[in-house]
Amino acid sequence: MSTNTPTAIAINCTLKGDESVVSSTDSMIQVVQKAFAEHDVKVARTIRAAAHNILPGVTSDEGEGDDWPSLREEILKHDILIFGTPIWMGQISSVAKRVLERMDAFLSETDDQGRMPSYGKLAVCCIVGNEDGAHWASSQIFQSLNDTGWTIPPVANCYWVGEAMGSTDFKDLKQVPDKVTQTAAMVASNAAHLAGLLKGSPFPG
């Protein structure tokens, strides 16, 4: 891997705080992670947000006991963020909202060229659910991330939703649907390409 090869990190906003319990969001992130590997992009790890004490607020450090400052630092070391969430009640999880709210601090953390800490970094998302709402969820995520400086490549959303009111979870499927695999490949290809370009030629601000 060359020094110009982008690196990635994932954050899983499942409501399951126990990291030993596999979530469907984990499974979708793994599909995208495998697709990124085809482009020599290594996903350093997946942060299970609910396993950490991310305090409510809109600053980068909400004080004693707040785990966000160290997570923020780790996320910003990478070129690509894979943002994963389940759909609950037709929208992104409360954990996902908490993470996005904490990134609001980027708006006041610009450099002398007006660039937020996330400038030149990409974000893609992974969404799973047993109900409708994947497009609505991605619109919430992408608008929030774009507002806080992240770059969104074309075809940046890999999702799966099961039958309405069904009981089958993505993690329990015997085989990943072809369409999901194809979409993950496009997500990874576009993101890896654009991240490489931005590493060589950052936004001027």
N, C-alpha and C. Protein backbone atom coordinates (compact mmCIF):
# COMPACT_ATOMS: atom_id res chain seq x y z
N MET A 1 0.85 -1.19 0.00
CA MET A 1 0.00 0.00 0.00
C MET A 1 0.89 1.24 0.00
N SER A 2 0.67 2.14 -0.95
CA SER A 2 1.47 3.35 -1.02
C SER A 2 0.98 4.36 0.01
N THR A 3 1.82 5.35 0.27
CA THR A 3 1.44 6.37 1.25
C THR A 3 0.28 7.22 0.75
N ASN A 4 0.01 7.15 -0.55
CA ASN A 4 -1.11 7.90 -1.12
C ASN A 4 -2.42 7.14 -1.08
N THR A 5 -2.37 5.86 -0.69
CA THR A 5 -3.58 5.06 -0.62
C THR A 5 -4.45 5.52 0.54
N PRO A 6 -5.73 5.82 0.30
CA PRO A 6 -6.61 6.27 1.38
C PRO A 6 -6.80 5.19 2.44
N THR A 7 -7.09 5.62 3.65
CA THR A 7 -7.45 4.70 4.72
C THR A 7 -8.88 5.02 5.17
N ALA A 8 -9.51 4.05 5.79
CA ALA A 8 -10.91 4.22 6.18
C ALA A 8 -11.14 3.74 7.61
N ILE A 9 -12.22 4.22 8.18
CA ILE A 9 -12.67 3.76 9.49
C ILE A 9 -14.19 3.73 9.46
N ALA A 10 -14.78 2.83 10.21
CA ALA A 10 -16.24 2.72 10.23
C ALA A 10 -16.77 3.03 11.61
N ILE A 11 -17.97 3.58 11.65
CA ILE A 11 -18.67 3.76 12.93
C ILE A 11 -20.04 3.11 12.80
N ASN A 12 -20.34 2.23 13.71
CA ASN A 12 -21.59 1.48 13.71
C ASN A 12 -22.52 2.09 14.75
N CYS A 13 -23.64 2.63 14.31
CA CYS A 13 -24.56 3.31 15.22
C CYS A 13 -25.76 2.43 15.59
N THR A 14 -25.53 1.13 15.65
CA THR A 14 -26.53 0.21 16.17
C THR A 14 -26.91 0.61 17.60
N LEU A 15 -28.08 0.18 18.04
CA LEU A 15 -28.47 0.41 19.43
C LEU A 15 -27.88 -0.63 20.36
N LYS A 16 -27.24 -1.65 19.81
CA LYS A 16 -26.65 -2.71 20.62
C LYS A 16 -25.29 -2.26 21.16
N GLY A 17 -25.21 -2.05 22.46
CA GLY A 17 -23.97 -1.58 23.07
C GLY A 17 -22.95 -2.67 23.30
N ASP A 18 -23.39 -3.92 23.35
CA ASP A 18 -22.49 -5.05 23.60
C ASP A 18 -21.76 -5.41 22.31
N GLU A 19 -20.45 -5.17 22.28
CA GLU A 19 -19.68 -5.40 21.06
C GLU A 19 -19.56 -6.88 20.70
N SER A 20 -19.88 -7.77 21.63
CA SER A 20 -19.83 -9.20 21.32
C SER A 20 -21.07 -9.66 20.55
N VAL A 21 -22.07 -8.81 20.50
CA VAL A 21 -23.31 -9.14 19.78
C VAL A 21 -23.22 -8.56 18.37
N VAL A 22 -23.26 -9.43 17.37
CA VAL A 22 -23.18 -8.98 15.98
C VAL A 22 -24.49 -8.31 15.59
N SER A 23 -24.39 -7.17 14.96
CA SER A 23 -25.58 -6.48 14.48
C SER A 23 -25.64 -6.57 12.96
N SER A 24 -26.83 -6.34 12.41
CA SER A 24 -26.96 -6.34 10.95
C SER A 24 -26.16 -5.21 10.33
N THR A 25 -26.02 -4.10 11.07
CA THR A 25 -25.21 -2.98 10.57
C THR A 25 -23.76 -3.42 10.44
N ASP A 26 -23.26 -4.21 11.39
CA ASP A 26 -21.92 -4.79 11.28
C ASP A 26 -21.78 -5.57 9.98
N SER A 27 -22.77 -6.38 9.71
CA SER A 27 -22.72 -7.25 8.52
C SER A 27 -22.67 -6.42 7.24
N MET A 28 -23.43 -5.33 7.19
CA MET A 28 -23.40 -4.48 6.01
C MET A 28 -22.06 -3.76 5.89
N ILE A 29 -21.53 -3.30 7.00
CA ILE A 29 -20.22 -2.65 6.99
C ILE A 29 -19.16 -3.62 6.47
N GLN A 30 -19.27 -4.89 6.84
CA GLN A 30 -18.30 -5.88 6.37
C GLN A 30 -18.38 -6.09 4.87
N VAL A 31 -19.59 -6.00 4.30
CA VAL A 31 -19.74 -6.11 2.85
C VAL A 31 -18.99 -4.97 2.16
N VAL A 32 -19.16 -3.76 2.68
CA VAL A 32 -18.49 -2.59 2.10
C VAL A 32 -16.98 -2.65 2.36
N GLN A 33 -16.61 -3.13 3.52
CA GLN A 33 -15.19 -3.28 3.85
C GLN A 33 -14.50 -4.21 2.85
N LYS A 34 -15.16 -5.31 2.52
CA LYS A 34 -14.61 -6.26 1.55
C LYS A 34 -14.46 -5.59 0.19
N ALA A 35 -15.42 -4.75 -0.18
CA ALA A 35 -15.35 -4.05 -1.46
C ALA A 35 -14.20 -3.05 -1.47
N PHE A 36 -13.97 -2.37 -0.36
CA PHE A 36 -12.86 -1.43 -0.26
C PHE A 36 -11.51 -2.15 -0.39
N ALA A 37 -11.44 -3.37 0.12
CA ALA A 37 -10.18 -4.13 0.05
C ALA A 37 -9.76 -4.36 -1.40
N GLU A 38 -10.72 -4.42 -2.31
CA GLU A 38 -10.42 -4.59 -3.73
C GLU A 38 -9.65 -3.39 -4.29
N HIS A 39 -9.70 -2.28 -3.56
CA HIS A 39 -9.00 -1.06 -3.99
C HIS A 39 -7.85 -0.72 -3.04
N ASP A 40 -7.42 -1.74 -2.27
CA ASP A 40 -6.31 -1.60 -1.32
C ASP A 40 -6.60 -0.58 -0.22
N VAL A 41 -7.87 -0.30 0.02
CA VAL A 41 -8.25 0.60 1.11
C VAL A 41 -8.55 -0.24 2.35
N LYS A 42 -7.75 -0.05 3.37
CA LYS A 42 -7.91 -0.82 4.60
C LYS A 42 -8.83 -0.08 5.56
N VAL A 43 -9.81 -0.79 6.10
CA VAL A 43 -10.68 -0.24 7.13
C VAL A 43 -10.04 -0.57 8.47
N ALA A 44 -9.55 0.45 9.15
CA ALA A 44 -8.77 0.25 10.37
C ALA A 44 -9.55 -0.53 11.43
N ARG A 45 -10.77 -0.11 11.67
CA ARG A 45 -11.64 -0.83 12.61
C ARG A 45 -13.04 -0.25 12.53
N THR A 46 -13.97 -0.92 13.20
CA THR A 46 -15.33 -0.42 13.31
C THR A 46 -15.56 0.00 14.75
N ILE A 47 -15.89 1.26 14.95
CA ILE A 47 -16.22 1.79 16.27
C ILE A 47 -17.69 1.46 16.56
N ARG A 48 -17.96 0.80 17.66
CA ARG A 48 -19.35 0.57 18.08
C ARG A 48 -19.74 1.75 18.98
N ALA A 49 -20.44 2.70 18.41
CA ALA A 49 -20.71 3.96 19.12
C ALA A 49 -21.42 3.75 20.45
N ALA A 50 -22.38 2.82 20.49
CA ALA A 50 -23.16 2.61 21.71
C ALA A 50 -22.35 1.99 22.84
N ALA A 51 -21.16 1.49 22.51
CA ALA A 51 -20.29 0.91 23.54
C ALA A 51 -19.47 2.00 24.24
N HIS A 52 -19.59 3.23 23.78
CA HIS A 52 -18.82 4.35 24.33
C HIS A 52 -19.76 5.38 24.94
N ASN A 53 -19.21 6.17 25.84
CA ASN A 53 -19.99 7.21 26.49
C ASN A 53 -19.85 8.51 25.69
N ILE A 54 -20.67 8.63 24.67
CA ILE A 54 -20.69 9.84 23.84
C ILE A 54 -21.75 10.76 24.42
N LEU A 55 -21.31 11.78 25.12
CA LEU A 55 -22.24 12.65 25.84
C LEU A 55 -23.03 13.52 24.86
N PRO A 56 -24.23 13.94 25.24
CA PRO A 56 -25.00 14.84 24.38
C PRO A 56 -24.33 16.21 24.32
N GLY A 57 -24.48 16.87 23.18
CA GLY A 57 -23.90 18.20 23.05
C GLY A 57 -23.48 18.46 21.62
N VAL A 58 -22.96 19.67 21.39
CA VAL A 58 -22.53 20.06 20.04
C VAL A 58 -21.12 20.64 20.06
N THR A 59 -20.33 20.25 21.06
CA THR A 59 -18.92 20.65 21.08
C THR A 59 -18.08 19.39 20.92
N SER A 60 -16.78 19.57 20.71
CA SER A 60 -15.89 18.42 20.53
C SER A 60 -15.47 17.78 21.85
N ASP A 61 -15.75 18.45 22.95
CA ASP A 61 -15.42 17.89 24.27
C ASP A 61 -16.45 18.40 25.26
N GLU A 62 -17.29 17.49 25.74
CA GLU A 62 -18.35 17.86 26.68
C GLU A 62 -17.94 17.60 28.14
N GLY A 63 -16.63 17.42 28.35
CA GLY A 63 -16.15 17.35 29.72
C GLY A 63 -15.94 15.95 30.25
N GLU A 64 -15.88 15.86 31.57
CA GLU A 64 -15.52 14.62 32.26
C GLU A 64 -16.39 13.44 31.82
N GLY A 65 -15.71 12.35 31.51
CA GLY A 65 -16.42 11.13 31.14
C GLY A 65 -16.81 11.03 29.68
N ASP A 66 -16.51 12.05 28.89
CA ASP A 66 -16.90 12.06 27.49
C ASP A 66 -15.89 11.29 26.65
N ASP A 67 -16.36 10.27 25.94
CA ASP A 67 -15.48 9.47 25.09
C ASP A 67 -15.32 10.06 23.68
N TRP A 68 -16.13 11.05 23.33
CA TRP A 68 -16.10 11.55 21.97
C TRP A 68 -14.75 12.16 21.56
N PRO A 69 -14.06 12.92 22.43
CA PRO A 69 -12.80 13.52 21.97
C PRO A 69 -11.81 12.52 21.38
N SER A 70 -11.63 11.38 22.02
CA SER A 70 -10.68 10.40 21.51
C SER A 70 -11.22 9.72 20.25
N LEU A 71 -12.54 9.50 20.18
CA LEU A 71 -13.14 8.91 18.98
C LEU A 71 -13.04 9.88 17.81
N ARG A 72 -13.29 11.15 18.08
CA ARG A 72 -13.18 12.19 17.05
C ARG A 72 -11.77 12.21 16.48
N GLU A 73 -10.78 12.17 17.35
CA GLU A 73 -9.38 12.19 16.90
C GLU A 73 -9.07 10.98 16.03
N GLU A 74 -9.57 9.81 16.43
CA GLU A 74 -9.31 8.59 15.67
C GLU A 74 -9.99 8.65 14.30
N ILE A 75 -11.22 9.12 14.25
CA ILE A 75 -11.95 9.21 12.99
C ILE A 75 -11.24 10.13 12.01
N LEU A 76 -10.77 11.27 12.50
CA LEU A 76 -10.16 12.27 11.63
C LEU A 76 -8.77 11.90 11.15
N LYS A 77 -8.22 10.80 11.64
CA LYS A 77 -6.93 10.32 11.14
C LYS A 77 -7.08 9.62 9.79
N HIS A 78 -8.31 9.31 9.40
CA HIS A 78 -8.57 8.54 8.20
C HIS A 78 -9.19 9.39 7.10
N ASP A 79 -9.12 8.88 5.88
CA ASP A 79 -9.60 9.62 4.71
C ASP A 79 -11.06 9.35 4.39
N ILE A 80 -11.56 8.20 4.82
CA ILE A 80 -12.94 7.80 4.50
C ILE A 80 -13.63 7.34 5.77
N LEU A 81 -14.85 7.84 5.98
CA LEU A 81 -15.69 7.39 7.10
C LEU A 81 -16.84 6.58 6.55
N ILE A 82 -16.98 5.36 7.04
CA ILE A 82 -18.13 4.52 6.71
C ILE A 82 -19.12 4.68 7.87
N PHE A 83 -20.24 5.29 7.60
CA PHE A 83 -21.21 5.62 8.65
C PHE A 83 -22.37 4.62 8.56
N GLY A 84 -22.47 3.76 9.56
CA GLY A 84 -23.48 2.71 9.54
C GLY A 84 -24.59 2.95 10.55
N THR A 85 -25.82 2.70 10.13
CA THR A 85 -26.94 2.83 11.06
C THR A 85 -28.07 1.88 10.68
N PRO A 86 -28.80 1.38 11.67
CA PRO A 86 -30.05 0.68 11.37
C PRO A 86 -31.17 1.71 11.20
N ILE A 87 -32.28 1.27 10.65
CA ILE A 87 -33.48 2.09 10.58
C ILE A 87 -34.38 1.73 11.76
N TRP A 88 -34.74 2.72 12.54
CA TRP A 88 -35.70 2.52 13.62
C TRP A 88 -36.79 3.57 13.48
N MET A 89 -38.05 3.12 13.48
CA MET A 89 -39.19 4.03 13.34
C MET A 89 -39.06 4.88 12.08
N GLY A 90 -38.49 4.28 11.04
CA GLY A 90 -38.42 4.94 9.76
C GLY A 90 -37.31 5.96 9.62
N GLN A 91 -36.39 6.02 10.59
CA GLN A 91 -35.33 7.01 10.54
C GLN A 91 -34.04 6.45 11.12
N ILE A 92 -32.98 7.25 11.09
CA ILE A 92 -31.71 6.79 11.63
C ILE A 92 -31.82 6.60 13.14
N SER A 93 -30.90 5.83 13.70
CA SER A 93 -30.95 5.55 15.14
C SER A 93 -30.63 6.78 15.96
N SER A 94 -31.04 6.77 17.21
CA SER A 94 -30.73 7.87 18.13
C SER A 94 -29.23 7.99 18.33
N VAL A 95 -28.53 6.87 18.26
CA VAL A 95 -27.07 6.88 18.40
C VAL A 95 -26.44 7.61 17.22
N ALA A 96 -26.96 7.36 16.02
CA ALA A 96 -26.46 8.05 14.83
C ALA A 96 -26.67 9.56 14.95
N LYS A 97 -27.83 9.95 15.46
CA LYS A 97 -28.10 11.38 15.64
C LYS A 97 -27.12 12.00 16.63
N ARG A 98 -26.81 11.26 17.69
CA ARG A 98 -25.86 11.76 18.69
C ARG A 98 -24.49 12.02 18.05
N VAL A 99 -24.02 11.09 17.23
CA VAL A 99 -22.73 11.24 16.56
C VAL A 99 -22.74 12.45 15.63
N LEU A 100 -23.81 12.59 14.86
CA LEU A 100 -23.91 13.73 13.94
C LEU A 100 -23.95 15.05 14.69
N GLU A 101 -24.66 15.08 15.81
CA GLU A 101 -24.74 16.31 16.60
C GLU A 101 -23.37 16.72 17.14
N ARG A 102 -22.55 15.75 17.50
CA ARG A 102 -21.22 16.08 18.01
C ARG A 102 -20.31 16.64 16.91
N MET A 103 -20.57 16.24 15.65
CA MET A 103 -19.78 16.77 14.55
C MET A 103 -20.14 18.21 14.22
N ASP A 104 -21.24 18.71 14.78
CA ASP A 104 -21.62 20.10 14.56
C ASP A 104 -20.51 21.05 15.00
N ALA A 105 -19.67 20.59 15.92
CA ALA A 105 -18.56 21.42 16.40
C ALA A 105 -17.58 21.79 15.30
N PHE A 106 -17.53 20.97 14.24
CA PHE A 106 -16.59 21.26 13.14
C PHE A 106 -16.83 22.65 12.54
N LEU A 107 -18.08 23.11 12.61
CA LEU A 107 -18.42 24.40 12.01
C LEU A 107 -17.62 25.56 12.61
N SER A 108 -17.22 25.41 13.86
CA SER A 108 -16.47 26.49 14.53
C SER A 108 -15.00 26.13 14.70
N GLU A 109 -14.55 25.08 14.02
CA GLU A 109 -13.16 24.62 14.17
C GLU A 109 -12.39 24.73 12.85
N THR A 110 -12.67 25.77 12.11
CA THR A 110 -12.05 25.93 10.80
C THR A 110 -10.61 26.43 10.89
N ASP A 111 -9.82 26.12 9.85
CA ASP A 111 -8.46 26.63 9.78
C ASP A 111 -8.47 28.04 9.18
N ASP A 112 -7.30 28.59 8.89
CA ASP A 112 -7.24 29.97 8.41
C ASP A 112 -7.76 30.13 6.98
N GLN A 113 -8.08 29.00 6.32
CA GLN A 113 -8.69 29.04 5.00
C GLN A 113 -10.19 28.72 5.06
N GLY A 114 -10.72 28.64 6.28
CA GLY A 114 -12.14 28.36 6.45
C GLY A 114 -12.53 26.91 6.30
N ARG A 115 -11.54 26.02 6.35
CA ARG A 115 -11.82 24.59 6.15
C ARG A 115 -12.04 23.88 7.49
N MET A 116 -13.10 23.11 7.56
CA MET A 116 -13.38 22.32 8.76
C MET A 116 -12.44 21.13 8.84
N PRO A 117 -12.29 20.51 10.02
CA PRO A 117 -11.37 19.37 10.17
C PRO A 117 -11.68 18.21 9.22
N SER A 118 -12.91 18.12 8.76
CA SER A 118 -13.34 17.04 7.88
C SER A 118 -13.14 17.34 6.40
N TYR A 119 -12.66 18.54 6.07
CA TYR A 119 -12.47 18.91 4.66
C TYR A 119 -11.49 17.96 3.99
N GLY A 120 -11.85 17.51 2.79
CA GLY A 120 -11.00 16.59 2.05
C GLY A 120 -11.19 15.15 2.45
N LYS A 121 -12.09 14.89 3.40
CA LYS A 121 -12.38 13.53 3.83
C LYS A 121 -13.76 13.13 3.32
N LEU A 122 -13.91 11.84 3.00
CA LEU A 122 -15.15 11.35 2.41
C LEU A 122 -16.00 10.60 3.43
N ALA A 123 -17.30 10.55 3.16
CA ALA A 123 -18.20 9.75 3.98
C ALA A 123 -19.14 8.97 3.07
N VAL A 124 -19.33 7.71 3.41
CA VAL A 124 -20.32 6.86 2.76
C VAL A 124 -21.16 6.23 3.86
N CYS A 125 -22.30 5.66 3.51
CA CYS A 125 -23.09 5.07 4.59
C CYS A 125 -23.59 3.67 4.27
N CYS A 126 -23.86 2.94 5.34
CA CYS A 126 -24.41 1.59 5.30
C CYS A 126 -25.68 1.60 6.13
N ILE A 127 -26.79 1.18 5.54
CA ILE A 127 -28.07 1.23 6.23
C ILE A 127 -28.78 -0.11 6.10
N VAL A 128 -29.35 -0.56 7.22
CA VAL A 128 -30.12 -1.81 7.19
C VAL A 128 -31.42 -1.62 7.97
N GLY A 129 -32.44 -2.40 7.60
CA GLY A 129 -33.69 -2.32 8.34
C GLY A 129 -34.71 -3.31 7.82
N ASN A 130 -35.75 -3.50 8.60
CA ASN A 130 -36.86 -4.36 8.20
C ASN A 130 -38.10 -3.54 7.87
N GLU A 131 -37.87 -2.34 7.42
CA GLU A 131 -38.98 -1.46 7.08
C GLU A 131 -38.47 -0.44 6.07
N ASP A 132 -39.36 0.35 5.54
CA ASP A 132 -38.97 1.38 4.59
C ASP A 132 -38.16 2.48 5.31
N GLY A 133 -37.46 3.28 4.53
CA GLY A 133 -36.79 4.43 5.13
C GLY A 133 -35.33 4.59 4.79
N ALA A 134 -34.77 3.74 3.92
CA ALA A 134 -33.34 3.82 3.62
C ALA A 134 -32.99 5.13 2.93
N HIS A 135 -33.82 5.59 2.02
CA HIS A 135 -33.53 6.84 1.32
C HIS A 135 -33.69 8.04 2.25
N TRP A 136 -34.69 8.00 3.09
CA TRP A 136 -34.88 9.08 4.05
C TRP A 136 -33.72 9.11 5.05
N ALA A 137 -33.28 7.93 5.50
CA ALA A 137 -32.16 7.86 6.44
C ALA A 137 -30.89 8.41 5.80
N SER A 138 -30.62 8.02 4.56
CA SER A 138 -29.39 8.50 3.91
C SER A 138 -29.45 10.01 3.68
N SER A 139 -30.64 10.54 3.41
CA SER A 139 -30.74 11.99 3.22
C SER A 139 -30.42 12.73 4.51
N GLN A 140 -30.84 12.19 5.65
CA GLN A 140 -30.50 12.78 6.95
C GLN A 140 -28.99 12.75 7.18
N ILE A 141 -28.40 11.61 6.90
CA ILE A 141 -26.97 11.43 7.14
C ILE A 141 -26.14 12.33 6.22
N PHE A 142 -26.45 12.28 4.93
CA PHE A 142 -25.62 13.01 3.97
C PHE A 142 -25.74 14.53 4.13
N GLN A 143 -26.94 15.01 4.41
CA GLN A 143 -27.09 16.46 4.61
C GLN A 143 -26.28 16.90 5.83
N SER A 144 -26.37 16.13 6.90
CA SER A 144 -25.65 16.48 8.13
C SER A 144 -24.15 16.42 7.93
N LEU A 145 -23.67 15.37 7.26
CA LEU A 145 -22.23 15.22 7.05
C LEU A 145 -21.71 16.27 6.08
N ASN A 146 -22.48 16.58 5.04
CA ASN A 146 -22.04 17.60 4.09
C ASN A 146 -21.99 18.98 4.77
N ASP A 147 -22.95 19.27 5.62
CA ASP A 147 -22.96 20.53 6.36
C ASP A 147 -21.73 20.67 7.24
N THR A 148 -21.22 19.54 7.72
CA THR A 148 -20.07 19.58 8.62
C THR A 148 -18.76 19.24 7.91
N GLY A 149 -18.75 19.43 6.59
CA GLY A 149 -17.48 19.43 5.85
C GLY A 149 -17.10 18.17 5.13
N TRP A 150 -17.84 17.09 5.31
CA TRP A 150 -17.49 15.84 4.65
C TRP A 150 -17.86 15.88 3.17
N THR A 151 -17.10 15.21 2.35
CA THR A 151 -17.38 15.10 0.92
C THR A 151 -18.15 13.80 0.67
N ILE A 152 -19.23 13.90 -0.08
CA ILE A 152 -20.07 12.73 -0.39
C ILE A 152 -19.86 12.36 -1.85
N PRO A 153 -19.29 11.19 -2.14
CA PRO A 153 -19.11 10.78 -3.54
C PRO A 153 -20.42 10.29 -4.15
N PRO A 154 -20.47 10.15 -5.47
CA PRO A 154 -21.68 9.57 -6.08
C PRO A 154 -21.82 8.10 -5.67
N VAL A 155 -23.06 7.66 -5.56
CA VAL A 155 -23.39 6.29 -5.12
C VAL A 155 -22.66 6.01 -3.80
N ALA A 156 -23.10 6.70 -2.76
CA ALA A 156 -22.41 6.60 -1.46
C ALA A 156 -23.21 5.84 -0.42
N ASN A 157 -24.30 5.22 -0.84
CA ASN A 157 -25.18 4.55 0.11
C ASN A 157 -25.39 3.09 -0.26
N CYS A 158 -24.97 2.20 0.62
CA CYS A 158 -25.24 0.77 0.42
C CYS A 158 -26.26 0.35 1.47
N TYR A 159 -27.42 -0.13 1.02
CA TYR A 159 -28.48 -0.41 1.99
C TYR A 159 -29.23 -1.69 1.64
N TRP A 160 -29.93 -2.18 2.64
CA TRP A 160 -30.83 -3.32 2.47
C TRP A 160 -31.99 -3.14 3.42
N VAL A 161 -33.20 -3.31 2.90
CA VAL A 161 -34.38 -3.33 3.76
C VAL A 161 -35.17 -4.59 3.45
N GLY A 162 -35.56 -5.26 4.51
CA GLY A 162 -36.31 -6.49 4.34
C GLY A 162 -37.79 -6.22 4.11
N GLU A 163 -38.54 -7.29 4.03
CA GLU A 163 -39.99 -7.18 3.83
C GLU A 163 -40.63 -6.40 4.97
N ALA A 164 -41.57 -5.55 4.65
CA ALA A 164 -42.26 -4.76 5.67
C ALA A 164 -42.84 -5.67 6.75
N MET A 165 -42.56 -5.31 7.98
CA MET A 165 -43.02 -6.07 9.15
C MET A 165 -42.47 -7.49 9.15
N GLY A 166 -41.40 -7.72 8.43
CA GLY A 166 -40.79 -9.06 8.39
C GLY A 166 -39.91 -9.31 9.61
N SER A 167 -39.41 -10.53 9.70
CA SER A 167 -38.61 -10.91 10.86
C SER A 167 -37.18 -11.31 10.50
N THR A 168 -36.83 -11.24 9.20
CA THR A 168 -35.49 -11.62 8.76
C THR A 168 -34.57 -10.42 8.82
N ASP A 169 -33.43 -10.58 9.49
CA ASP A 169 -32.43 -9.52 9.57
C ASP A 169 -31.36 -9.74 8.51
N PHE A 170 -30.69 -8.66 8.13
CA PHE A 170 -29.64 -8.76 7.11
C PHE A 170 -28.55 -9.74 7.52
N LYS A 171 -28.19 -9.74 8.81
CA LYS A 171 -27.12 -10.62 9.29
C LYS A 171 -27.49 -12.09 9.20
N ASP A 172 -28.78 -12.37 9.07
CA ASP A 172 -29.24 -13.75 9.03
C ASP A 172 -29.48 -14.28 7.61
N LEU A 173 -29.25 -13.44 6.62
CA LEU A 173 -29.41 -13.90 5.24
C LEU A 173 -28.37 -14.96 4.91
N LYS A 174 -28.76 -15.97 4.17
CA LYS A 174 -27.81 -17.02 3.80
C LYS A 174 -26.80 -16.53 2.77
N GLN A 175 -27.18 -15.53 2.00
CA GLN A 175 -26.30 -14.98 0.97
C GLN A 175 -26.58 -13.49 0.81
N VAL A 176 -25.53 -12.71 0.62
CA VAL A 176 -25.71 -11.28 0.38
C VAL A 176 -26.34 -11.10 -1.00
N PRO A 177 -27.44 -10.36 -1.10
CA PRO A 177 -28.09 -10.15 -2.41
C PRO A 177 -27.12 -9.54 -3.42
N ASP A 178 -27.23 -9.97 -4.67
CA ASP A 178 -26.33 -9.49 -5.72
C ASP A 178 -26.35 -7.97 -5.82
N LYS A 179 -27.52 -7.38 -5.70
CA LYS A 179 -27.63 -5.93 -5.84
C LYS A 179 -26.85 -5.20 -4.74
N VAL A 180 -26.86 -5.76 -3.55
CA VAL A 180 -26.09 -5.16 -2.45
C VAL A 180 -24.60 -5.25 -2.74
N THR A 181 -24.15 -6.41 -3.21
CA THR A 181 -22.74 -6.59 -3.54
C THR A 181 -22.31 -5.63 -4.65
N GLN A 182 -23.16 -5.49 -5.66
CA GLN A 182 -22.85 -4.58 -6.77
C GLN A 182 -22.79 -3.13 -6.30
N THR A 183 -23.73 -2.75 -5.44
CA THR A 183 -23.74 -1.38 -4.93
C THR A 183 -22.53 -1.12 -4.06
N ALA A 184 -22.17 -2.08 -3.22
CA ALA A 184 -20.99 -1.92 -2.36
C ALA A 184 -19.74 -1.73 -3.21
N ALA A 185 -19.64 -2.45 -4.31
CA ALA A 185 -18.49 -2.31 -5.20
C ALA A 185 -18.40 -0.90 -5.78
N MET A 186 -19.55 -0.33 -6.16
CA MET A 186 -19.56 1.02 -6.70
C MET A 186 -19.25 2.06 -5.62
N VAL A 187 -19.81 1.87 -4.44
CA VAL A 187 -19.52 2.76 -3.31
C VAL A 187 -18.01 2.81 -3.05
N ALA A 188 -17.40 1.64 -2.97
CA ALA A 188 -15.97 1.56 -2.67
C ALA A 188 -15.12 2.14 -3.80
N SER A 189 -15.49 1.83 -5.04
CA SER A 189 -14.72 2.30 -6.18
C SER A 189 -14.73 3.82 -6.26
N ASN A 190 -15.92 4.41 -6.17
CA ASN A 190 -16.04 5.87 -6.25
C ASN A 190 -15.34 6.56 -5.09
N ALA A 191 -15.54 6.04 -3.89
CA ALA A 191 -14.96 6.68 -2.71
C ALA A 191 -13.44 6.57 -2.71
N ALA A 192 -12.92 5.40 -3.06
CA ALA A 192 -11.46 5.22 -3.09
C ALA A 192 -10.83 6.14 -4.13
N HIS A 193 -11.47 6.26 -5.29
CA HIS A 193 -10.95 7.11 -6.36
C HIS A 193 -10.92 8.58 -5.92
N LEU A 194 -12.05 9.06 -5.41
CA LEU A 194 -12.14 10.47 -5.03
C LEU A 194 -11.25 10.79 -3.83
N ALA A 195 -11.16 9.87 -2.88
CA ALA A 195 -10.29 10.10 -1.72
C ALA A 195 -8.84 10.21 -2.16
N GLY A 196 -8.44 9.39 -3.13
CA GLY A 196 -7.08 9.47 -3.65
C GLY A 196 -6.79 10.81 -4.31
N LEU A 197 -7.77 11.32 -5.06
CA LEU A 197 -7.62 12.62 -5.71
C LEU A 197 -7.48 13.73 -4.69
N LEU A 198 -8.31 13.68 -3.63
CA LEU A 198 -8.28 14.74 -2.64
C LEU A 198 -7.02 14.70 -1.78
N LYS A 199 -6.45 13.51 -1.60
CA LYS A 199 -5.17 13.43 -0.88
C LYS A 199 -4.07 14.17 -1.65
N GLY A 200 -4.14 14.07 -2.98
CA GLY A 200 -3.13 14.72 -3.81
C GLY A 200 -3.41 16.17 -4.07
N SER A 201 -4.69 16.55 -4.01
CA SER A 201 -5.08 17.93 -4.32
C SER A 201 -6.23 18.36 -3.40
N PRO A 202 -5.89 18.81 -2.20
CA PRO A 202 -6.92 19.18 -1.21
C PRO A 202 -7.75 20.38 -1.64
N PHE A 203 -8.93 20.51 -1.06
CA PHE A 203 -9.75 21.69 -1.31
C PHE A 203 -9.00 22.95 -0.89
N PRO A 204 -9.07 24.01 -1.70
CA PRO A 204 -8.29 25.22 -1.40
C PRO A 204 -8.85 26.05 -0.25
N GLY A 205 -10.17 25.94 0.01
CA GLY A 205 -10.74 26.76 1.07
C GLY A 205 -11.00 28.18 0.59
